[in-house]
Amino acid sequence: MDSRHFLGFSPLIFLHLHLTSAEINGSVIKMKTGSSSVPFDPTHVTQLSWHPRAFIYQGFLTSEECDHLITLAKDNLKKSMVADNESGKSDESEVRTSSGMFLRKAQDEVVADIEAWIAAWTFLPKENGESIQILHYEHGQKYEPHFDYFHDKANQQLGGHRIATVLMYLSDVESGGETVFPNADGKRTQIKDESWSDCAKNGFAVKPRKGDALLFFSLHPDATTDKKSLHGSCPVIKGEKWSATKWIHVRAFSKSRRRSSMGDCVDENESCPAWAKAGECKRNPNYMVGTDASPGYCRKSCNVCS
């Protein structure tokens, strides 16, 4: 079987082949992740589309895991940014009106287990993934249709294109907030009643349900970009929407650091002075100041240099 078939049928076939790290009991596979065993049940996975390749895992996260991720993020949210197509720098844009923040990799045991589960489900290495981003959408907030792969060379150098996205829904939404694929082949055949927003009717859409996870691929099996992977987050009409996104690259993903020790006194983000003035050094110390094992990104603005 060649790589086209592997990627085409991912994530189910991969897990059945990877028996050395799993225990199979009926239809449930228990993936070993540290001290815990994560049950993977392929009967919860449904193929939504082949163009683009998209799958939904019902009940990927427990309600408690969803609430935990929201708790980690809710006091540290900032206006969401988008990557400039030419420079690759992050800019504010009305295309994306949510707020969000990035967790640290393996920030705690729950986050580490979720990252391991994502790697097991997608059969893509953990080191290829970015940190999980938590997003919050309030009434009217949205993310216009966009691609997750990059147009600029700067971001591609960090780990290549994003090959896959795992979008985890952390809350139910009373109305709106659907994930929509305007270019998907199934947009004309998906039956929608009045419970769907007008935005969702413009493509193949997925309703956010707490605990579910949507996996879709931004690249074809031959590694060319898939224009059918265009997707967006429809405006929230009633209620609020919480989600968690894990982007996975074709190579190991790492952002270069300009210094390697706690003694270096630098800011690594141009927004550090503004964040420090707003009190983020105390509210978000892990990112701003850092720890002995992982120096922060805004040590100069937080006045913690030795």
C-alpha atoms as a PDB file:
ATOM      1  CA  MET A   1       0.000   0.000   0.000  1.00  0.00           C
ATOM      2  CA  ASP A   2       1.537   3.367  -0.988  1.00  0.00           C
ATOM      3  CA  SER A   3       1.484   6.696   0.855  1.00  0.00           C
ATOM      4  CA  ARG A   4      -1.538   7.910  -1.088  1.00  0.00           C
ATOM      5  CA  HIS A   5      -3.653   5.174   0.450  1.00  0.00           C
ATOM      6  CA  PHE A   6      -2.209   5.798   3.915  1.00  0.00           C
ATOM      7  CA  LEU A   7      -3.078   9.476   3.860  1.00  0.00           C
ATOM      8  CA  GLY A   8      -6.356   8.850   2.122  1.00  0.00           C
ATOM      9  CA  PHE A   9      -7.590   6.550   4.855  1.00  0.00           C
ATOM     10  CA  SER A  10      -5.897   8.278   7.780  1.00  0.00           C
ATOM     11  CA  PRO A  11      -6.506   8.251  10.668  1.00  0.00           C
ATOM     12  CA  LEU A  12      -8.077   4.790  11.014  1.00  0.00           C
ATOM     13  CA  ILE A  13      -5.749   2.440   9.132  1.00  0.00           C
ATOM     14  CA  PHE A  14      -2.633   3.866  10.721  1.00  0.00           C
ATOM     15  CA  LEU A  15      -3.815   2.989  14.196  1.00  0.00           C
ATOM     16  CA  HIS A  16      -4.611  -0.584  13.259  1.00  0.00           C
ATOM     17  CA  LEU A  17      -1.120  -0.962  11.788  1.00  0.00           C
ATOM     18  CA  HIS A  18       0.651   0.567  14.794  1.00  0.00           C
ATOM     19  CA  LEU A  19       0.006  -2.345  17.137  1.00  0.00           C
ATOM     20  CA  THR A  20       3.291  -2.106  19.047  1.00  0.00           C
ATOM     21  CA  SER A  21       2.021   0.897  21.038  1.00  0.00           C
ATOM     22  CA  ALA A  22      -1.600  -0.101  21.396  1.00  0.00           C
ATOM     23  CA  GLU A  23      -3.742  -2.718  23.025  1.00  0.00           C
ATOM     24  CA  ILE A  24      -6.748  -3.744  20.977  1.00  0.00           C
ATOM     25  CA  ASN A  25      -9.861  -4.778  22.879  1.00  0.00           C
ATOM     26  CA  GLY A  26     -12.807  -5.209  20.557  1.00  0.00           C
ATOM     27  CA  SER A  27     -13.233  -1.936  18.685  1.00  0.00           C
ATOM     28  CA  VAL A  28     -11.431   0.103  21.345  1.00  0.00           C
ATOM     29  CA  ILE A  29      -7.699   0.771  21.114  1.00  0.00           C
ATOM     30  CA  LYS A  30      -5.956   1.926  24.286  1.00  0.00           C
ATOM     31  CA  MET A  31      -3.017   4.156  23.385  1.00  0.00           C
ATOM     32  CA  LYS A  32      -0.310   4.299  26.041  1.00  0.00           C
ATOM     33  CA  THR A  33       0.521   7.916  26.924  1.00  0.00           C
ATOM     34  CA  GLY A  34       2.709   8.107  29.996  1.00  0.00           C
ATOM     35  CA  SER A  35       0.904   6.924  33.097  1.00  0.00           C
ATOM     36  CA  SER A  36      -2.522   6.818  31.505  1.00  0.00           C
ATOM     37  CA  SER A  37      -4.188   4.787  28.771  1.00  0.00           C
ATOM     38  CA  VAL A  38      -6.236   6.788  26.287  1.00  0.00           C
ATOM     39  CA  PRO A  39      -9.092   4.831  24.709  1.00  0.00           C
ATOM     40  CA  PHE A  40      -9.421   5.309  20.970  1.00  0.00           C
ATOM     41  CA  ASP A  41     -12.688   4.081  19.480  1.00  0.00           C
ATOM     42  CA  PRO A  42     -12.736   4.142  15.650  1.00  0.00           C
ATOM     43  CA  THR A  43     -16.515   3.793  15.668  1.00  0.00           C
ATOM     44  CA  HIS A  44     -16.652   7.428  16.853  1.00  0.00           C
ATOM     45  CA  VAL A  45     -14.881   8.642  13.704  1.00  0.00           C
ATOM     46  CA  THR A  46     -16.901   9.578  10.614  1.00  0.00           C
ATOM     47  CA  GLN A  47     -15.505  10.527   7.225  1.00  0.00           C
ATOM     48  CA  LEU A  48     -17.144  13.807   6.229  1.00  0.00           C
ATOM     49  CA  SER A  49     -15.455  14.529   2.925  1.00  0.00           C
ATOM     50  CA  TRP A  50     -12.757  13.305   0.559  1.00  0.00           C
ATOM     51  CA  HIS A  51     -12.382  16.709  -1.146  1.00  0.00           C
ATOM     52  CA  PRO A  52     -11.030  18.044   1.167  1.00  0.00           C
ATOM     53  CA  ARG A  53     -10.209  15.059   3.347  1.00  0.00           C
ATOM     54  CA  ALA A  54     -12.093  15.685   6.582  1.00  0.00           C
ATOM     55  CA  PHE A  55     -13.112  13.515   9.556  1.00  0.00           C
ATOM     56  CA  ILE A  56     -15.116  14.131  12.722  1.00  0.00           C
ATOM     57  CA  TYR A  57     -14.414  12.335  16.010  1.00  0.00           C
ATOM     58  CA  GLN A  58     -17.457  12.495  18.281  1.00  0.00           C
ATOM     59  CA  GLY A  59     -16.515  12.768  21.934  1.00  0.00           C
ATOM     60  CA  PHE A  60     -12.794  13.243  21.318  1.00  0.00           C
ATOM     61  CA  LEU A  61     -12.532  15.241  24.558  1.00  0.00           C
ATOM     62  CA  THR A  62     -14.482  14.811  27.770  1.00  0.00           C
ATOM     63  CA  SER A  63     -16.550  17.682  29.123  1.00  0.00           C
ATOM     64  CA  GLU A  64     -14.023  18.038  31.952  1.00  0.00           C
ATOM     65  CA  GLU A  65     -11.118  18.301  29.489  1.00  0.00           C
ATOM     66  CA  CYS A  66     -12.963  20.984  27.525  1.00  0.00           C
ATOM     67  CA  ASP A  67     -13.642  22.993  30.675  1.00  0.00           C
ATOM     68  CA  HIS A  68     -10.017  22.610  31.778  1.00  0.00           C
ATOM     69  CA  LEU A  69      -8.689  24.066  28.519  1.00  0.00           C
ATOM     70  CA  ILE A  70     -11.082  27.008  28.781  1.00  0.00           C
ATOM     71  CA  THR A  71      -9.965  27.648  32.362  1.00  0.00           C
ATOM     72  CA  LEU A  72      -6.307  27.697  31.287  1.00  0.00           C
ATOM     73  CA  ALA A  73      -7.037  30.291  28.620  1.00  0.00           C
ATOM     74  CA  LYS A  74      -9.849  32.590  29.712  1.00  0.00           C
ATOM     75  CA  ASP A  75      -7.742  35.061  31.706  1.00  0.00           C
ATOM     76  CA  ASN A  76      -5.054  35.380  29.020  1.00  0.00           C
ATOM     77  CA  LEU A  77      -6.994  36.064  25.824  1.00  0.00           C
ATOM     78  CA  LYS A  78      -5.801  38.572  23.228  1.00  0.00           C
ATOM     79  CA  LYS A  79      -7.295  39.669  19.908  1.00  0.00           C
ATOM     80  CA  SER A  80      -6.574  36.975  17.326  1.00  0.00           C
ATOM     81  CA  MET A  81      -4.041  37.724  14.616  1.00  0.00           C
ATOM     82  CA  VAL A  82      -3.520  36.568  11.028  1.00  0.00           C
ATOM     83  CA  ALA A  83      -0.288  35.907   9.123  1.00  0.00           C
ATOM     84  CA  ASP A  84       0.563  38.437   6.406  1.00  0.00           C
ATOM     85  CA  ASN A  85       0.850  36.658   3.040  1.00  0.00           C
ATOM     86  CA  GLU A  86       4.058  38.470   2.111  1.00  0.00           C
ATOM     87  CA  SER A  87       6.068  38.924   5.308  1.00  0.00           C
ATOM     88  CA  GLY A  88       4.602  36.164   7.453  1.00  0.00           C
ATOM     89  CA  LYS A  89       4.256  38.562  10.405  1.00  0.00           C
ATOM     90  CA  SER A  90       1.159  38.434  12.588  1.00  0.00           C
ATOM     91  CA  ASP A  91      -1.217  41.367  12.097  1.00  0.00           C
ATOM     92  CA  GLU A  92      -4.649  42.351  13.352  1.00  0.00           C
ATOM     93  CA  SER A  93      -7.414  42.009  10.789  1.00  0.00           C
ATOM     94  CA  GLU A  94     -11.196  42.277  10.636  1.00  0.00           C
ATOM     95  CA  VAL A  95     -11.066  38.968   8.779  1.00  0.00           C
ATOM     96  CA  ARG A  96     -10.589  37.357  12.196  1.00  0.00           C
ATOM     97  CA  THR A  97     -12.445  38.914  15.116  1.00  0.00           C
ATOM     98  CA  SER A  98     -12.088  36.272  17.836  1.00  0.00           C
ATOM     99  CA  SER A  99      -9.774  36.378  20.846  1.00  0.00           C
ATOM    100  CA  GLY A 100      -7.297  33.673  21.743  1.00  0.00           C
ATOM    101  CA  MET A 101      -4.026  32.515  23.269  1.00  0.00           C
ATOM    102  CA  PHE A 102      -1.495  29.704  22.888  1.00  0.00           C
ATOM    103  CA  LEU A 103      -0.892  27.109  25.564  1.00  0.00           C
ATOM    104  CA  ARG A 104       2.611  25.767  26.114  1.00  0.00           C
ATOM    105  CA  LYS A 105       3.346  22.289  24.827  1.00  0.00           C
ATOM    106  CA  ALA A 106       2.726  19.729  27.580  1.00  0.00           C
ATOM    107  CA  GLN A 107       1.701  22.631  29.844  1.00  0.00           C
ATOM    108  CA  ASP A 108       0.160  20.144  32.264  1.00  0.00           C
ATOM    109  CA  GLU A 109      -0.826  16.495  32.289  1.00  0.00           C
ATOM    110  CA  VAL A 110      -4.181  17.108  30.605  1.00  0.00           C
ATOM    111  CA  VAL A 111      -2.618  19.099  27.754  1.00  0.00           C
ATOM    112  CA  ALA A 112       0.145  16.500  27.334  1.00  0.00           C
ATOM    113  CA  ASP A 113      -2.416  13.692  27.093  1.00  0.00           C
ATOM    114  CA  ILE A 114      -4.476  15.606  24.501  1.00  0.00           C
ATOM    115  CA  GLU A 115      -1.334  16.229  22.412  1.00  0.00           C
ATOM    116  CA  ALA A 116      -0.445  12.535  22.600  1.00  0.00           C
ATOM    117  CA  TRP A 117      -3.985  11.582  21.596  1.00  0.00           C
ATOM    118  CA  ILE A 118      -3.867  13.933  18.598  1.00  0.00           C
ATOM    119  CA  ALA A 119      -0.587  12.335  17.479  1.00  0.00           C
ATOM    120  CA  ALA A 120      -2.106   8.869  17.861  1.00  0.00           C
ATOM    121  CA  TRP A 121      -5.264   9.745  15.932  1.00  0.00           C
ATOM    122  CA  THR A 122      -3.570  11.565  13.065  1.00  0.00           C
ATOM    123  CA  PHE A 123      -0.457   9.364  13.091  1.00  0.00           C
ATOM    124  CA  LEU A 124       1.596  12.555  12.731  1.00  0.00           C
ATOM    125  CA  PRO A 125       4.520  13.159  15.130  1.00  0.00           C
ATOM    126  CA  LYS A 126       3.986  15.360  18.180  1.00  0.00           C
ATOM    127  CA  GLU A 127       7.071  17.395  17.304  1.00  0.00           C
ATOM    128  CA  ASN A 128       5.398  18.447  14.030  1.00  0.00           C
ATOM    129  CA  GLY A 129       2.599  20.205  15.887  1.00  0.00           C
ATOM    130  CA  GLU A 130       2.327  23.792  17.039  1.00  0.00           C
ATOM    131  CA  SER A 131       1.186  24.583  20.544  1.00  0.00           C
ATOM    132  CA  ILE A 132      -2.576  24.317  21.024  1.00  0.00           C
ATOM    133  CA  GLN A 133      -4.372  27.616  20.432  1.00  0.00           C
ATOM    134  CA  ILE A 134      -7.540  28.332  22.425  1.00  0.00           C
ATOM    135  CA  LEU A 135     -10.070  30.588  20.675  1.00  0.00           C
ATOM    136  CA  HIS A 136     -13.134  32.398  21.999  1.00  0.00           C
ATOM    137  CA  TYR A 137     -15.892  33.769  19.739  1.00  0.00           C
ATOM    138  CA  GLU A 138     -18.609  36.022  21.136  1.00  0.00           C
ATOM    139  CA  HIS A 139     -21.753  37.302  19.409  1.00  0.00           C
ATOM    140  CA  GLY A 140     -21.033  38.242  15.794  1.00  0.00           C
ATOM    141  CA  GLN A 141     -17.378  37.177  15.906  1.00  0.00           C
ATOM    142  CA  LYS A 142     -16.062  35.066  13.044  1.00  0.00           C
ATOM    143  CA  TYR A 143     -13.065  34.020  10.951  1.00  0.00           C
ATOM    144  CA  GLU A 144     -13.515  34.593   7.226  1.00  0.00           C
ATOM    145  CA  PRO A 145     -12.643  31.646   4.902  1.00  0.00           C
ATOM    146  CA  HIS A 146      -8.891  31.100   4.690  1.00  0.00           C
ATOM    147  CA  PHE A 147      -6.270  28.416   4.141  1.00  0.00           C
ATOM    148  CA  ASP A 148      -4.164  26.934   6.926  1.00  0.00           C
ATOM    149  CA  TYR A 149      -1.177  26.390   4.635  1.00  0.00           C
ATOM    150  CA  PHE A 150       1.163  29.361   4.176  1.00  0.00           C
ATOM    151  CA  HIS A 151       1.758  31.712   1.265  1.00  0.00           C
ATOM    152  CA  ASP A 152       4.941  33.247   2.701  1.00  0.00           C
ATOM    153  CA  LYS A 153       8.361  31.583   2.855  1.00  0.00           C
ATOM    154  CA  ALA A 154       9.134  32.785   6.386  1.00  0.00           C
ATOM    155  CA  ASN A 155       6.474  30.597   8.004  1.00  0.00           C
ATOM    156  CA  GLN A 156       7.214  27.664   5.710  1.00  0.00           C
ATOM    157  CA  GLN A 157      10.786  27.587   7.026  1.00  0.00           C
ATOM    158  CA  LEU A 158       9.560  26.823  10.543  1.00  0.00           C
ATOM    159  CA  GLY A 159       8.322  23.352   9.667  1.00  0.00           C
ATOM    160  CA  GLY A 160       6.977  23.476   6.159  1.00  0.00           C
ATOM    161  CA  HIS A 161       3.320  23.809   5.301  1.00  0.00           C
ATOM    162  CA  ARG A 162       0.623  22.896   7.764  1.00  0.00           C
ATOM    163  CA  ILE A 163      -0.479  19.497   6.487  1.00  0.00           C
ATOM    164  CA  ALA A 164      -3.387  18.962   8.889  1.00  0.00           C
ATOM    165  CA  THR A 165      -5.563  20.770  11.397  1.00  0.00           C
ATOM    166  CA  VAL A 166      -7.335  19.295  14.421  1.00  0.00           C
ATOM    167  CA  LEU A 167     -10.113  21.633  15.553  1.00  0.00           C
ATOM    168  CA  MET A 168     -11.573  20.683  18.938  1.00  0.00           C
ATOM    169  CA  TYR A 169     -14.901  22.181  19.983  1.00  0.00           C
ATOM    170  CA  LEU A 170     -14.878  23.098  23.679  1.00  0.00           C
ATOM    171  CA  SER A 171     -18.471  24.321  23.939  1.00  0.00           C
ATOM    172  CA  ASP A 172     -21.848  23.996  22.315  1.00  0.00           C
ATOM    173  CA  VAL A 173     -23.139  27.035  20.415  1.00  0.00           C
ATOM    174  CA  GLU A 174     -26.828  27.894  20.508  1.00  0.00           C
ATOM    175  CA  SER A 175     -26.819  29.296  16.970  1.00  0.00           C
ATOM    176  CA  GLY A 176     -24.145  29.938  14.353  1.00  0.00           C
ATOM    177  CA  GLY A 177     -20.433  29.321  14.828  1.00  0.00           C
ATOM    178  CA  GLU A 178     -20.279  26.496  12.288  1.00  0.00           C
ATOM    179  CA  THR A 179     -17.051  25.552  10.512  1.00  0.00           C
ATOM    180  CA  VAL A 180     -17.699  25.981   6.801  1.00  0.00           C
ATOM    181  CA  PHE A 181     -15.798  24.720   3.745  1.00  0.00           C
ATOM    182  CA  PRO A 182     -16.949  26.882   0.797  1.00  0.00           C
ATOM    183  CA  ASN A 183     -15.006  24.881  -1.836  1.00  0.00           C
ATOM    184  CA  ALA A 184     -15.826  21.369  -0.611  1.00  0.00           C
ATOM    185  CA  ASP A 185     -17.384  18.954  -3.085  1.00  0.00           C
ATOM    186  CA  GLY A 186     -20.190  18.123  -0.653  1.00  0.00           C
ATOM    187  CA  LYS A 187     -21.544  21.653  -0.280  1.00  0.00           C
ATOM    188  CA  ARG A 188     -24.354  21.035  -2.776  1.00  0.00           C
ATOM    189  CA  THR A 189     -25.430  17.668  -1.394  1.00  0.00           C
ATOM    190  CA  GLN A 190     -25.382  18.372   2.362  1.00  0.00           C
ATOM    191  CA  ILE A 191     -28.953  18.781   3.571  1.00  0.00           C
ATOM    192  CA  LYS A 192     -29.460  21.757   5.915  1.00  0.00           C
ATOM    193  CA  ASP A 193     -32.586  22.881   7.743  1.00  0.00           C
ATOM    194  CA  GLU A 194     -33.336  26.198   9.450  1.00  0.00           C
ATOM    195  CA  SER A 195     -31.067  25.336  12.389  1.00  0.00           C
ATOM    196  CA  TRP A 196     -28.070  26.171  10.174  1.00  0.00           C
ATOM    197  CA  SER A 197     -26.926  29.773   9.761  1.00  0.00           C
ATOM    198  CA  ASP A 198     -26.927  31.468   6.367  1.00  0.00           C
ATOM    199  CA  CYS A 199     -23.119  31.409   6.445  1.00  0.00           C
ATOM    200  CA  ALA A 200     -23.107  27.627   6.875  1.00  0.00           C
ATOM    201  CA  LYS A 201     -25.318  27.255   3.818  1.00  0.00           C
ATOM    202  CA  ASN A 202     -22.500  28.646   1.651  1.00  0.00           C
ATOM    203  CA  GLY A 203     -20.512  25.406   1.828  1.00  0.00           C
ATOM    204  CA  PHE A 204     -20.115  22.045   3.526  1.00  0.00           C
ATOM    205  CA  ALA A 205     -20.432  22.816   7.236  1.00  0.00           C
ATOM    206  CA  VAL A 206     -19.862  21.260  10.643  1.00  0.00           C
ATOM    207  CA  LYS A 207     -21.766  22.295  13.751  1.00  0.00           C
ATOM    208  CA  PRO A 208     -19.688  22.858  16.894  1.00  0.00           C
ATOM    209  CA  ARG A 209     -20.526  20.290  19.564  1.00  0.00           C
ATOM    210  CA  LYS A 210     -18.690  20.201  22.864  1.00  0.00           C
ATOM    211  CA  GLY A 211     -16.059  17.446  22.894  1.00  0.00           C
ATOM    212  CA  ASP A 212     -16.057  16.749  19.138  1.00  0.00           C
ATOM    213  CA  ALA A 213     -12.906  17.164  17.052  1.00  0.00           C
ATOM    214  CA  LEU A 214     -12.666  17.957  13.341  1.00  0.00           C
ATOM    215  CA  LEU A 215      -9.583  16.752  11.442  1.00  0.00           C
ATOM    216  CA  PHE A 216      -8.957  18.026   7.931  1.00  0.00           C
ATOM    217  CA  PHE A 217      -5.957  18.048   5.607  1.00  0.00           C
ATOM    218  CA  SER A 218      -4.669  21.180   3.879  1.00  0.00           C
ATOM    219  CA  LEU A 219      -2.357  19.272   1.520  1.00  0.00           C
ATOM    220  CA  HIS A 220      -3.029  16.550  -1.007  1.00  0.00           C
ATOM    221  CA  PRO A 221      -1.247  13.186  -0.523  1.00  0.00           C
ATOM    222  CA  ASP A 222       1.398  14.373  -3.023  1.00  0.00           C
ATOM    223  CA  ALA A 223       2.083  17.380  -0.710  1.00  0.00           C
ATOM    224  CA  THR A 224       0.558  19.971  -3.052  1.00  0.00           C
ATOM    225  CA  THR A 225      -1.807  22.502  -1.485  1.00  0.00           C
ATOM    226  CA  ASP A 226      -5.510  21.633  -1.485  1.00  0.00           C
ATOM    227  CA  LYS A 227      -7.660  24.627  -2.434  1.00  0.00           C
ATOM    228  CA  LYS A 228     -10.755  22.727  -1.354  1.00  0.00           C
ATOM    229  CA  SER A 229      -9.472  23.017   2.246  1.00  0.00           C
ATOM    230  CA  LEU A 230     -10.581  26.673   2.322  1.00  0.00           C
ATOM    231  CA  HIS A 231     -12.524  27.047   5.581  1.00  0.00           C
ATOM    232  CA  GLY A 232     -13.911  29.622   7.967  1.00  0.00           C
ATOM    233  CA  SER A 233     -15.724  30.049  11.260  1.00  0.00           C
ATOM    234  CA  CYS A 234     -19.252  31.391  10.792  1.00  0.00           C
ATOM    235  CA  PRO A 235     -20.387  34.291  12.999  1.00  0.00           C
ATOM    236  CA  VAL A 236     -21.821  33.336  16.366  1.00  0.00           C
ATOM    237  CA  ILE A 237     -25.500  34.284  16.350  1.00  0.00           C
ATOM    238  CA  LYS A 238     -26.507  33.184  19.843  1.00  0.00           C
ATOM    239  CA  GLY A 239     -24.325  32.081  22.735  1.00  0.00           C
ATOM    240  CA  GLU A 240     -20.529  31.839  22.581  1.00  0.00           C
ATOM    241  CA  LYS A 241     -18.005  29.497  21.017  1.00  0.00           C
ATOM    242  CA  TRP A 242     -14.832  28.049  22.513  1.00  0.00           C
ATOM    243  CA  SER A 243     -12.460  25.938  20.440  1.00  0.00           C
ATOM    244  CA  ALA A 244      -8.915  24.571  20.527  1.00  0.00           C
ATOM    245  CA  THR A 245      -6.774  24.250  17.407  1.00  0.00           C
ATOM    246  CA  LYS A 246      -3.723  22.082  16.794  1.00  0.00           C
ATOM    247  CA  TRP A 247      -1.891  22.803  13.535  1.00  0.00           C
ATOM    248  CA  ILE A 248       0.449  20.059  12.324  1.00  0.00           C
ATOM    249  CA  HIS A 249       3.316  20.637   9.883  1.00  0.00           C
ATOM    250  CA  VAL A 250       5.091  18.379   7.399  1.00  0.00           C
ATOM    251  CA  ARG A 251       8.308  18.656   9.448  1.00  0.00           C
ATOM    252  CA  ALA A 252       9.216  19.243  13.077  1.00  0.00           C
ATOM    253  CA  PHE A 253       7.944  22.676  14.077  1.00  0.00           C
ATOM    254  CA  SER A 254      10.029  25.053  16.150  1.00  0.00           C
ATOM    255  CA  LYS A 255      10.311  28.805  16.333  1.00  0.00           C
ATOM    256  CA  SER A 256      13.891  30.035  16.479  1.00  0.00           C
ATOM    257  CA  ARG A 257      14.863  31.715  19.741  1.00  0.00           C
ATOM    258  CA  ARG A 258      17.233  34.681  19.767  1.00  0.00           C
ATOM    259  CA  ARG A 259      18.840  33.667  23.067  1.00  0.00           C
ATOM    260  CA  SER A 260      19.292  30.463  25.021  1.00  0.00           C
ATOM    261  CA  SER A 261      19.608  31.399  28.677  1.00  0.00           C
ATOM    262  CA  MET A 262      17.653  33.170  31.391  1.00  0.00           C
ATOM    263  CA  GLY A 263      20.442  35.744  31.575  1.00  0.00           C
ATOM    264  CA  ASP A 264      19.809  37.270  28.166  1.00  0.00           C
ATOM    265  CA  CYS A 265      17.704  40.421  28.390  1.00  0.00           C
ATOM    266  CA  VAL A 266      15.559  40.666  25.273  1.00  0.00           C
ATOM    267  CA  ASP A 267      11.967  40.876  24.081  1.00  0.00           C
ATOM    268  CA  GLU A 268      11.050  38.388  21.369  1.00  0.00           C
ATOM    269  CA  ASN A 269       7.761  39.949  20.333  1.00  0.00           C
ATOM    270  CA  GLU A 270       7.236  43.562  19.286  1.00  0.00           C
ATOM    271  CA  SER A 271       4.064  43.661  21.384  1.00  0.00           C
ATOM    272  CA  CYS A 272       5.920  42.868  24.651  1.00  0.00           C
ATOM    273  CA  PRO A 273       6.019  46.486  25.936  1.00  0.00           C
ATOM    274  CA  ALA A 274       2.264  46.917  25.422  1.00  0.00           C
ATOM    275  CA  TRP A 275       1.500  43.543  27.005  1.00  0.00           C
ATOM    276  CA  ALA A 276       3.696  44.342  30.012  1.00  0.00           C
ATOM    277  CA  LYS A 277       1.998  47.722  30.453  1.00  0.00           C
ATOM    278  CA  ALA A 278      -1.373  45.937  30.420  1.00  0.00           C
ATOM    279  CA  GLY A 279      -0.280  43.666  33.285  1.00  0.00           C
ATOM    280  CA  GLU A 280       0.463  40.492  31.351  1.00  0.00           C
ATOM    281  CA  CYS A 281       3.748  39.886  33.236  1.00  0.00           C
ATOM    282  CA  LYS A 282       1.662  38.910  36.261  1.00  0.00           C
ATOM    283  CA  ARG A 283      -1.386  37.492  34.475  1.00  0.00           C
ATOM    284  CA  ASN A 284       0.555  35.343  31.993  1.00  0.00           C
ATOM    285  CA  PRO A 285       3.987  34.741  33.600  1.00  0.00           C
ATOM    286  CA  ASN A 286       4.702  31.458  31.821  1.00  0.00           C
ATOM    287  CA  TYR A 287       4.757  33.196  28.440  1.00  0.00           C
ATOM    288  CA  MET A 288       6.042  36.606  29.477  1.00  0.00           C
ATOM    289  CA  VAL A 289       8.688  35.689  32.075  1.00  0.00           C
ATOM    290  CA  GLY A 290       9.143  31.951  31.669  1.00  0.00           C
ATOM    291  CA  THR A 291      10.605  29.323  33.981  1.00  0.00           C
ATOM    292  CA  ASP A 292      14.061  27.924  34.672  1.00  0.00           C
ATOM    293  CA  ALA A 293      13.497  25.336  31.961  1.00  0.00           C
ATOM    294  CA  SER A 294      11.847  27.617  29.405  1.00  0.00           C
ATOM    295  CA  PRO A 295      12.716  31.365  29.342  1.00  0.00           C
ATOM    296  CA  GLY A 296       9.850  33.735  28.578  1.00  0.00           C
ATOM    297  CA  TYR A 297       9.432  35.902  25.513  1.00  0.00           C
ATOM    298  CA  CYS A 298       9.145  39.331  27.197  1.00  0.00           C
ATOM    299  CA  ARG A 299      11.814  39.317  29.926  1.00  0.00           C
ATOM    300  CA  LYS A 300      13.078  42.797  29.099  1.00  0.00           C
ATOM    301  CA  SER A 301       9.659  44.465  29.307  1.00  0.00           C
ATOM    302  CA  CYS A 302       8.856  42.526  32.495  1.00  0.00           C
ATOM    303  CA  ASN A 303      12.082  43.815  34.132  1.00  0.00           C
ATOM    304  CA  VAL A 304      13.175  40.374  35.330  1.00  0.00           C
ATOM    305  CA  CYS A 305      16.630  40.211  33.737  1.00  0.00           C
ATOM    306  CA  SER A 306      19.535  39.436  36.031  1.00  0.00           C
END
